[in-house]
Amino acid sequence: FKDLPGKSVTSQIGFSFKSLAQAKSNPLKNITTWNFDEIAQKASSKWNQYLSKFEITDPNDDKKGLFYSALYKAILKPANLQGENPFWESDNYMADLATSWDIYSTQLPFVFTFYPEEGQEITQFYMDLFNQFGRYPPAYLMKEGMPWVFSKQASALGNFVLADAYAKNLPGLDWKQALDVMVKTVNNERGQLFQQGFPLAPSPTHNQDYAYAAFCTSLIANGIREKELADQMMKLG
């Protein structure tokens, strides 16, 4: 490329989790110009829609930079990859729900509070995961192959996530359907062992997992006036 004007090359790279054909077509759908500065400006404007939820009045630029850097990282995950579901036919796909045992009580409640529309999409994906696999993957979805199952990790975390979404009144979810999913989780194989008083692991955390899952289920059952079920779940919690 030594004889090119300005000695620079502009290229576009496409990728897809589904197919080579889709990887080739994705740049054409998402990037409509070859002007790098224009693309960068569009990306900056998109991010500012999210970052501008918060206004920092402290005149210290270092503190502002620290805050907005942390905020940027707090909303990077999970990635909404609509149309890229490699596991089953669905437009809805969220990648990188890694370490659900951490983000259910930290990052996800933050997103649900300040970005409810994105929170609704995330919780709907938890529902989709259960409907597809018959359970919530206790850890994460890998990009190749089926979800990994970690026998030593909590497996009812989806109940916590749905209960938090309900408490924050996220829009668009069918709470009767969600309740059915949550009850099935409490009554799955591990849940039955918990209800029968068997230790699920050397650590008590698995029993805490199902006790809190039952409590979360009770909250939603009570909220949609399923009183008998709510009482039943509360006893387990």
C-alpha atoms as a PDB file:
ATOM      1  CA  PHE A   1       0.000   0.000   0.000  1.00  0.00           C
ATOM      2  CA  LYS A   2       3.022   2.310  -0.164  1.00  0.00           C
ATOM      3  CA  ASP A   3       1.709   4.243  -3.174  1.00  0.00           C
ATOM      4  CA  LEU A   4      -1.749   4.990  -1.751  1.00  0.00           C
ATOM      5  CA  PRO A   5      -2.657   8.668  -1.223  1.00  0.00           C
ATOM      6  CA  GLY A   6      -2.086   9.425   2.441  1.00  0.00           C
ATOM      7  CA  LYS A   7      -0.753   5.879   2.895  1.00  0.00           C
ATOM      8  CA  SER A   8      -3.850   4.703   4.763  1.00  0.00           C
ATOM      9  CA  VAL A   9      -6.348   1.903   4.268  1.00  0.00           C
ATOM     10  CA  THR A  10      -9.936   1.808   5.492  1.00  0.00           C
ATOM     11  CA  SER A  11     -11.495  -1.614   5.990  1.00  0.00           C
ATOM     12  CA  GLN A  12     -14.649  -3.080   7.465  1.00  0.00           C
ATOM     13  CA  ILE A  13     -14.746  -6.331   9.435  1.00  0.00           C
ATOM     14  CA  GLY A  14     -17.943  -8.304   9.931  1.00  0.00           C
ATOM     15  CA  PHE A  15     -18.558 -11.147  12.363  1.00  0.00           C
ATOM     16  CA  SER A  16     -21.466 -13.326  13.308  1.00  0.00           C
ATOM     17  CA  PHE A  17     -22.202 -16.120  15.799  1.00  0.00           C
ATOM     18  CA  LYS A  18     -24.603 -17.700  13.296  1.00  0.00           C
ATOM     19  CA  SER A  19     -23.074 -17.947   9.828  1.00  0.00           C
ATOM     20  CA  LEU A  20     -20.441 -16.732   7.404  1.00  0.00           C
ATOM     21  CA  ALA A  21     -23.142 -15.220   5.190  1.00  0.00           C
ATOM     22  CA  GLN A  22     -24.481 -13.160   8.082  1.00  0.00           C
ATOM     23  CA  ALA A  23     -20.941 -12.065   9.004  1.00  0.00           C
ATOM     24  CA  LYS A  24     -20.533 -10.736   5.470  1.00  0.00           C
ATOM     25  CA  SER A  25     -23.830  -8.852   5.527  1.00  0.00           C
ATOM     26  CA  ASN A  26     -23.563  -7.339   9.022  1.00  0.00           C
ATOM     27  CA  PRO A  27     -21.208  -4.451   8.134  1.00  0.00           C
ATOM     28  CA  LEU A  28     -23.517  -3.406   5.303  1.00  0.00           C
ATOM     29  CA  LYS A  29     -26.452  -3.237   7.713  1.00  0.00           C
ATOM     30  CA  ASN A  30     -24.643  -1.437  10.526  1.00  0.00           C
ATOM     31  CA  ILE A  31     -22.126   0.836   8.826  1.00  0.00           C
ATOM     32  CA  THR A  32     -23.472   3.020   6.030  1.00  0.00           C
ATOM     33  CA  THR A  33     -20.395   5.193   5.474  1.00  0.00           C
ATOM     34  CA  TRP A  34     -16.653   4.765   4.967  1.00  0.00           C
ATOM     35  CA  ASN A  35     -15.901   7.969   6.870  1.00  0.00           C
ATOM     36  CA  PHE A  36     -14.178   6.846  10.088  1.00  0.00           C
ATOM     37  CA  ASP A  37     -14.756  10.141  11.923  1.00  0.00           C
ATOM     38  CA  GLU A  38     -18.477   9.976  11.148  1.00  0.00           C
ATOM     39  CA  ILE A  39     -18.698   6.399  12.442  1.00  0.00           C
ATOM     40  CA  ALA A  40     -16.816   7.376  15.599  1.00  0.00           C
ATOM     41  CA  GLN A  41     -19.181  10.314  16.149  1.00  0.00           C
ATOM     42  CA  LYS A  42     -22.224   8.045  15.817  1.00  0.00           C
ATOM     43  CA  ALA A  43     -20.750   5.652  18.377  1.00  0.00           C
ATOM     44  CA  SER A  44     -19.988   8.527  20.726  1.00  0.00           C
ATOM     45  CA  SER A  45     -23.536   9.878  20.414  1.00  0.00           C
ATOM     46  CA  LYS A  46     -24.977   6.439  21.121  1.00  0.00           C
ATOM     47  CA  TRP A  47     -22.880   6.016  24.256  1.00  0.00           C
ATOM     48  CA  ASN A  48     -23.764   9.520  25.434  1.00  0.00           C
ATOM     49  CA  GLN A  49     -27.447   8.541  25.386  1.00  0.00           C
ATOM     50  CA  TYR A  50     -26.614   6.081  28.169  1.00  0.00           C
ATOM     51  CA  LEU A  51     -23.924   7.993  30.026  1.00  0.00           C
ATOM     52  CA  SER A  52     -25.995  11.198  30.153  1.00  0.00           C
ATOM     53  CA  LYS A  53     -28.424   9.501  32.559  1.00  0.00           C
ATOM     54  CA  PHE A  54     -26.086  10.916  35.190  1.00  0.00           C
ATOM     55  CA  GLU A  55     -24.833  14.467  35.487  1.00  0.00           C
ATOM     56  CA  ILE A  56     -21.749  15.109  37.606  1.00  0.00           C
ATOM     57  CA  THR A  57     -21.491  18.626  39.007  1.00  0.00           C
ATOM     58  CA  ASP A  58     -18.091  18.157  40.664  1.00  0.00           C
ATOM     59  CA  PRO A  59     -15.636  20.380  38.724  1.00  0.00           C
ATOM     60  CA  ASN A  60     -12.816  17.867  39.223  1.00  0.00           C
ATOM     61  CA  ASP A  61     -12.242  16.334  35.781  1.00  0.00           C
ATOM     62  CA  ASP A  62     -10.329  13.382  37.210  1.00  0.00           C
ATOM     63  CA  LYS A  63     -13.334  12.418  39.349  1.00  0.00           C
ATOM     64  CA  LYS A  64     -15.656  12.824  36.378  1.00  0.00           C
ATOM     65  CA  GLY A  65     -13.435  10.634  34.270  1.00  0.00           C
ATOM     66  CA  LEU A  66     -13.318   7.983  36.976  1.00  0.00           C
ATOM     67  CA  PHE A  67     -17.101   7.991  37.384  1.00  0.00           C
ATOM     68  CA  TYR A  68     -17.958   7.806  33.696  1.00  0.00           C
ATOM     69  CA  SER A  69     -15.315   5.150  33.068  1.00  0.00           C
ATOM     70  CA  ALA A  70     -16.874   3.026  35.820  1.00  0.00           C
ATOM     71  CA  LEU A  71     -20.376   3.698  34.462  1.00  0.00           C
ATOM     72  CA  TYR A  72     -19.283   2.687  30.956  1.00  0.00           C
ATOM     73  CA  LYS A  73     -17.940  -0.619  32.289  1.00  0.00           C
ATOM     74  CA  ALA A  74     -21.063  -1.188  34.396  1.00  0.00           C
ATOM     75  CA  ILE A  75     -23.324  -1.192  31.342  1.00  0.00           C
ATOM     76  CA  LEU A  76     -21.136  -3.109  28.895  1.00  0.00           C
ATOM     77  CA  LYS A  77     -22.742  -6.436  29.816  1.00  0.00           C
ATOM     78  CA  PRO A  78     -24.733  -8.331  28.889  1.00  0.00           C
ATOM     79  CA  ALA A  79     -24.290  -7.524  25.226  1.00  0.00           C
ATOM     80  CA  ASN A  80     -27.514  -7.328  23.233  1.00  0.00           C
ATOM     81  CA  LEU A  81     -26.757  -9.293  20.049  1.00  0.00           C
ATOM     82  CA  GLN A  82     -30.171  -9.214  18.442  1.00  0.00           C
ATOM     83  CA  GLY A  83     -30.447 -11.600  15.542  1.00  0.00           C
ATOM     84  CA  GLU A  84     -27.248 -13.465  16.472  1.00  0.00           C
ATOM     85  CA  ASN A  85     -28.653 -16.335  18.549  1.00  0.00           C
ATOM     86  CA  PRO A  86     -26.536 -19.390  17.615  1.00  0.00           C
ATOM     87  CA  PHE A  87     -28.492 -21.867  19.750  1.00  0.00           C
ATOM     88  CA  TRP A  88     -32.115 -21.604  18.613  1.00  0.00           C
ATOM     89  CA  GLU A  89     -34.205 -19.524  16.215  1.00  0.00           C
ATOM     90  CA  SER A  90     -34.878 -16.277  18.021  1.00  0.00           C
ATOM     91  CA  ASP A  91     -33.998 -12.629  17.470  1.00  0.00           C
ATOM     92  CA  ASN A  92     -33.474 -12.208  21.205  1.00  0.00           C
ATOM     93  CA  TYR A  93     -29.950 -13.044  22.304  1.00  0.00           C
ATOM     94  CA  MET A  94     -27.807 -11.752  25.141  1.00  0.00           C
ATOM     95  CA  ALA A  95     -24.143 -12.697  25.286  1.00  0.00           C
ATOM     96  CA  ASP A  96     -21.926 -12.703  28.343  1.00  0.00           C
ATOM     97  CA  LEU A  97     -24.088 -13.392  31.351  1.00  0.00           C
ATOM     98  CA  ALA A  98     -20.878 -14.647  32.940  1.00  0.00           C
ATOM     99  CA  THR A  99     -20.680 -14.982  36.702  1.00  0.00           C
ATOM    100  CA  SER A 100     -24.398 -14.662  37.261  1.00  0.00           C
ATOM    101  CA  TRP A 101     -23.711 -15.339  40.941  1.00  0.00           C
ATOM    102  CA  ASP A 102     -22.014 -11.912  41.081  1.00  0.00           C
ATOM    103  CA  ILE A 103     -24.040  -9.691  38.755  1.00  0.00           C
ATOM    104  CA  TYR A 104     -27.508 -10.700  40.039  1.00  0.00           C
ATOM    105  CA  SER A 105     -26.983  -8.551  43.143  1.00  0.00           C
ATOM    106  CA  THR A 106     -24.826  -5.764  41.731  1.00  0.00           C
ATOM    107  CA  GLN A 107     -24.716  -4.940  38.043  1.00  0.00           C
ATOM    108  CA  LEU A 108     -28.142  -6.208  36.966  1.00  0.00           C
ATOM    109  CA  PRO A 109     -30.080  -4.286  39.665  1.00  0.00           C
ATOM    110  CA  PHE A 110     -28.174  -1.189  38.560  1.00  0.00           C
ATOM    111  CA  VAL A 111     -29.223  -1.699  34.939  1.00  0.00           C
ATOM    112  CA  PHE A 112     -32.816  -2.455  35.939  1.00  0.00           C
ATOM    113  CA  THR A 113     -32.985   0.773  37.961  1.00  0.00           C
ATOM    114  CA  PHE A 114     -31.550   3.212  35.455  1.00  0.00           C
ATOM    115  CA  TYR A 115     -32.115   1.439  32.113  1.00  0.00           C
ATOM    116  CA  PRO A 116     -35.488  -0.330  32.458  1.00  0.00           C
ATOM    117  CA  GLU A 117     -35.985  -1.013  28.745  1.00  0.00           C
ATOM    118  CA  GLU A 118     -32.699  -2.892  28.572  1.00  0.00           C
ATOM    119  CA  GLY A 119     -33.613  -4.582  31.847  1.00  0.00           C
ATOM    120  CA  GLN A 120     -36.825  -5.885  30.296  1.00  0.00           C
ATOM    121  CA  GLU A 121     -34.862  -7.424  27.419  1.00  0.00           C
ATOM    122  CA  ILE A 122     -32.450  -9.096  29.846  1.00  0.00           C
ATOM    123  CA  THR A 123     -35.191 -10.601  31.998  1.00  0.00           C
ATOM    124  CA  GLN A 124     -37.056 -11.798  28.921  1.00  0.00           C
ATOM    125  CA  PHE A 125     -33.874 -13.575  27.867  1.00  0.00           C
ATOM    126  CA  TYR A 126     -33.743 -15.334  31.245  1.00  0.00           C
ATOM    127  CA  MET A 127     -37.277 -16.527  30.486  1.00  0.00           C
ATOM    128  CA  ASP A 128     -36.215 -17.641  27.000  1.00  0.00           C
ATOM    129  CA  LEU A 129     -33.280 -19.563  28.450  1.00  0.00           C
ATOM    130  CA  PHE A 130     -35.544 -21.467  30.811  1.00  0.00           C
ATOM    131  CA  ASN A 131     -38.077 -22.230  28.090  1.00  0.00           C
ATOM    132  CA  GLN A 132     -35.331 -23.475  25.790  1.00  0.00           C
ATOM    133  CA  PHE A 133     -33.257 -25.547  28.230  1.00  0.00           C
ATOM    134  CA  GLY A 134     -35.719 -26.256  31.037  1.00  0.00           C
ATOM    135  CA  ARG A 135     -33.615 -24.310  33.531  1.00  0.00           C
ATOM    136  CA  TYR A 136     -31.464 -21.247  33.885  1.00  0.00           C
ATOM    137  CA  PRO A 137     -27.854 -21.926  33.019  1.00  0.00           C
ATOM    138  CA  PRO A 138     -26.210 -21.424  36.406  1.00  0.00           C
ATOM    139  CA  ALA A 139     -23.160 -19.771  34.917  1.00  0.00           C
ATOM    140  CA  TYR A 140     -23.187 -18.522  31.355  1.00  0.00           C
ATOM    141  CA  LEU A 141     -23.888 -19.265  27.725  1.00  0.00           C
ATOM    142  CA  MET A 142     -20.799 -20.073  25.751  1.00  0.00           C
ATOM    143  CA  LYS A 143     -20.641 -18.969  22.157  1.00  0.00           C
ATOM    144  CA  GLU A 144     -20.020 -22.507  20.955  1.00  0.00           C
ATOM    145  CA  GLY A 145     -21.932 -25.560  22.092  1.00  0.00           C
ATOM    146  CA  MET A 146     -24.569 -25.862  24.775  1.00  0.00           C
ATOM    147  CA  PRO A 147     -24.530 -23.914  28.039  1.00  0.00           C
ATOM    148  CA  TRP A 148     -22.042 -25.175  30.529  1.00  0.00           C
ATOM    149  CA  VAL A 149     -23.452 -26.383  33.819  1.00  0.00           C
ATOM    150  CA  PHE A 150     -21.396 -25.917  36.945  1.00  0.00           C
ATOM    151  CA  SER A 151     -22.529 -28.386  39.567  1.00  0.00           C
ATOM    152  CA  LYS A 152     -20.900 -26.380  42.328  1.00  0.00           C
ATOM    153  CA  GLN A 153     -22.492 -23.056  41.418  1.00  0.00           C
ATOM    154  CA  ALA A 154     -25.889 -21.651  42.316  1.00  0.00           C
ATOM    155  CA  SER A 155     -28.580 -22.636  39.815  1.00  0.00           C
ATOM    156  CA  ALA A 156     -31.694 -20.684  40.877  1.00  0.00           C
ATOM    157  CA  LEU A 157     -30.286 -17.218  40.282  1.00  0.00           C
ATOM    158  CA  GLY A 158     -32.848 -16.476  37.594  1.00  0.00           C
ATOM    159  CA  ASN A 159     -35.500 -16.317  40.330  1.00  0.00           C
ATOM    160  CA  PHE A 160     -33.517 -13.569  42.022  1.00  0.00           C
ATOM    161  CA  VAL A 161     -33.229 -11.650  38.752  1.00  0.00           C
ATOM    162  CA  LEU A 162     -36.948 -11.917  37.962  1.00  0.00           C
ATOM    163  CA  ALA A 163     -37.920 -10.858  41.489  1.00  0.00           C
ATOM    164  CA  ASP A 164     -35.725  -7.789  41.214  1.00  0.00           C
ATOM    165  CA  ALA A 165     -37.316  -6.949  37.865  1.00  0.00           C
ATOM    166  CA  TYR A 166     -40.753  -7.294  39.455  1.00  0.00           C
ATOM    167  CA  ALA A 167     -39.795  -5.081  42.396  1.00  0.00           C
ATOM    168  CA  LYS A 168     -38.616  -2.418  39.952  1.00  0.00           C
ATOM    169  CA  ASN A 169     -41.799  -2.760  37.874  1.00  0.00           C
ATOM    170  CA  LEU A 170     -40.026  -3.445  34.606  1.00  0.00           C
ATOM    171  CA  PRO A 171     -42.370  -3.285  31.616  1.00  0.00           C
ATOM    172  CA  GLY A 172     -43.430  -5.958  29.173  1.00  0.00           C
ATOM    173  CA  LEU A 173     -43.100  -9.195  31.148  1.00  0.00           C
ATOM    174  CA  ASP A 174     -45.814 -11.819  31.601  1.00  0.00           C
ATOM    175  CA  TRP A 175     -45.622 -12.303  35.360  1.00  0.00           C
ATOM    176  CA  LYS A 176     -47.879 -15.354  35.424  1.00  0.00           C
ATOM    177  CA  GLN A 177     -45.535 -17.038  32.991  1.00  0.00           C
ATOM    178  CA  ALA A 178     -42.556 -15.855  35.023  1.00  0.00           C
ATOM    179  CA  LEU A 179     -44.103 -17.267  38.183  1.00  0.00           C
ATOM    180  CA  ASP A 180     -44.576 -20.640  36.508  1.00  0.00           C
ATOM    181  CA  VAL A 181     -40.897 -20.686  35.544  1.00  0.00           C
ATOM    182  CA  MET A 182     -39.865 -19.738  39.082  1.00  0.00           C
ATOM    183  CA  VAL A 183     -41.996 -22.473  40.672  1.00  0.00           C
ATOM    184  CA  LYS A 184     -40.499 -25.062  38.309  1.00  0.00           C
ATOM    185  CA  THR A 185     -37.047 -23.919  39.397  1.00  0.00           C
ATOM    186  CA  VAL A 186     -37.849 -24.266  43.100  1.00  0.00           C
ATOM    187  CA  ASN A 187     -39.261 -27.744  42.423  1.00  0.00           C
ATOM    188  CA  ASN A 188     -36.476 -29.037  40.178  1.00  0.00           C
ATOM    189  CA  GLU A 189     -34.142 -31.874  41.186  1.00  0.00           C
ATOM    190  CA  ARG A 190     -31.942 -29.722  43.352  1.00  0.00           C
ATOM    191  CA  GLY A 191     -34.942 -27.932  44.782  1.00  0.00           C
ATOM    192  CA  GLN A 192     -36.502 -31.229  45.806  1.00  0.00           C
ATOM    193  CA  LEU A 193     -33.341 -32.182  47.673  1.00  0.00           C
ATOM    194  CA  PHE A 194     -33.443 -28.828  49.439  1.00  0.00           C
ATOM    195  CA  GLN A 195     -37.086 -29.303  50.394  1.00  0.00           C
ATOM    196  CA  GLN A 196     -36.327 -32.756  51.778  1.00  0.00           C
ATOM    197  CA  GLY A 197     -33.579 -31.395  53.975  1.00  0.00           C
ATOM    198  CA  PHE A 198     -30.624 -32.961  52.176  1.00  0.00           C
ATOM    199  CA  PRO A 199     -27.401 -30.950  52.051  1.00  0.00           C
ATOM    200  CA  LEU A 200     -26.668 -29.998  48.465  1.00  0.00           C
ATOM    201  CA  ALA A 201     -22.985 -29.250  48.885  1.00  0.00           C
ATOM    202  CA  PRO A 202     -20.265 -29.008  51.517  1.00  0.00           C
ATOM    203  CA  SER A 203     -21.056 -25.297  51.634  1.00  0.00           C
ATOM    204  CA  PRO A 204     -24.499 -24.119  52.796  1.00  0.00           C
ATOM    205  CA  THR A 205     -24.735 -21.720  49.863  1.00  0.00           C
ATOM    206  CA  HIS A 206     -26.805 -24.118  47.729  1.00  0.00           C
ATOM    207  CA  ASN A 207     -29.452 -24.331  50.403  1.00  0.00           C
ATOM    208  CA  GLN A 208     -29.405 -20.551  50.693  1.00  0.00           C
ATOM    209  CA  ASP A 209     -29.765 -20.396  46.925  1.00  0.00           C
ATOM    210  CA  TYR A 210     -33.031 -22.343  46.959  1.00  0.00           C
ATOM    211  CA  ALA A 211     -34.349 -20.764  50.145  1.00  0.00           C
ATOM    212  CA  TYR A 212     -33.992 -17.305  48.636  1.00  0.00           C
ATOM    213  CA  ALA A 213     -35.360 -18.526  45.284  1.00  0.00           C
ATOM    214  CA  ALA A 214     -38.494 -19.698  47.107  1.00  0.00           C
ATOM    215  CA  PHE A 215     -38.753 -16.375  48.929  1.00  0.00           C
ATOM    216  CA  CYS A 216     -38.480 -14.472  45.623  1.00  0.00           C
ATOM    217  CA  THR A 217     -41.151 -16.727  44.138  1.00  0.00           C
ATOM    218  CA  SER A 218     -43.418 -15.978  47.084  1.00  0.00           C
ATOM    219  CA  LEU A 219     -43.083 -12.237  46.518  1.00  0.00           C
ATOM    220  CA  ILE A 220     -44.300 -12.455  42.936  1.00  0.00           C
ATOM    221  CA  ALA A 221     -47.025 -14.981  43.771  1.00  0.00           C
ATOM    222  CA  ASN A 222     -48.313 -12.614  46.430  1.00  0.00           C
ATOM    223  CA  GLY A 223     -48.079  -9.680  44.023  1.00  0.00           C
ATOM    224  CA  ILE A 224     -50.312 -11.346  41.422  1.00  0.00           C
ATOM    225  CA  ARG A 225     -52.676 -12.663  44.114  1.00  0.00           C
ATOM    226  CA  GLU A 226     -51.680 -16.309  44.130  1.00  0.00           C
ATOM    227  CA  LYS A 227     -52.036 -16.376  47.913  1.00  0.00           C
ATOM    228  CA  GLU A 228     -51.899 -20.130  48.488  1.00  0.00           C
ATOM    229  CA  LEU A 229     -48.793 -20.503  46.382  1.00  0.00           C
ATOM    230  CA  ALA A 230     -47.237 -17.465  48.045  1.00  0.00           C
ATOM    231  CA  ASP A 231     -47.718 -19.030  51.489  1.00  0.00           C
ATOM    232  CA  GLN A 232     -46.295 -22.344  50.286  1.00  0.00           C
ATOM    233  CA  MET A 233     -43.179 -20.698  48.891  1.00  0.00           C
ATOM    234  CA  MET A 234     -42.732 -18.473  51.934  1.00  0.00           C
ATOM    235  CA  LYS A 235     -42.550 -21.562  54.172  1.00  0.00           C
ATOM    236  CA  LEU A 236     -39.689 -22.851  52.051  1.00  0.00           C
ATOM    237  CA  GLY A 237     -37.954 -19.477  52.173  1.00  0.00           C
END
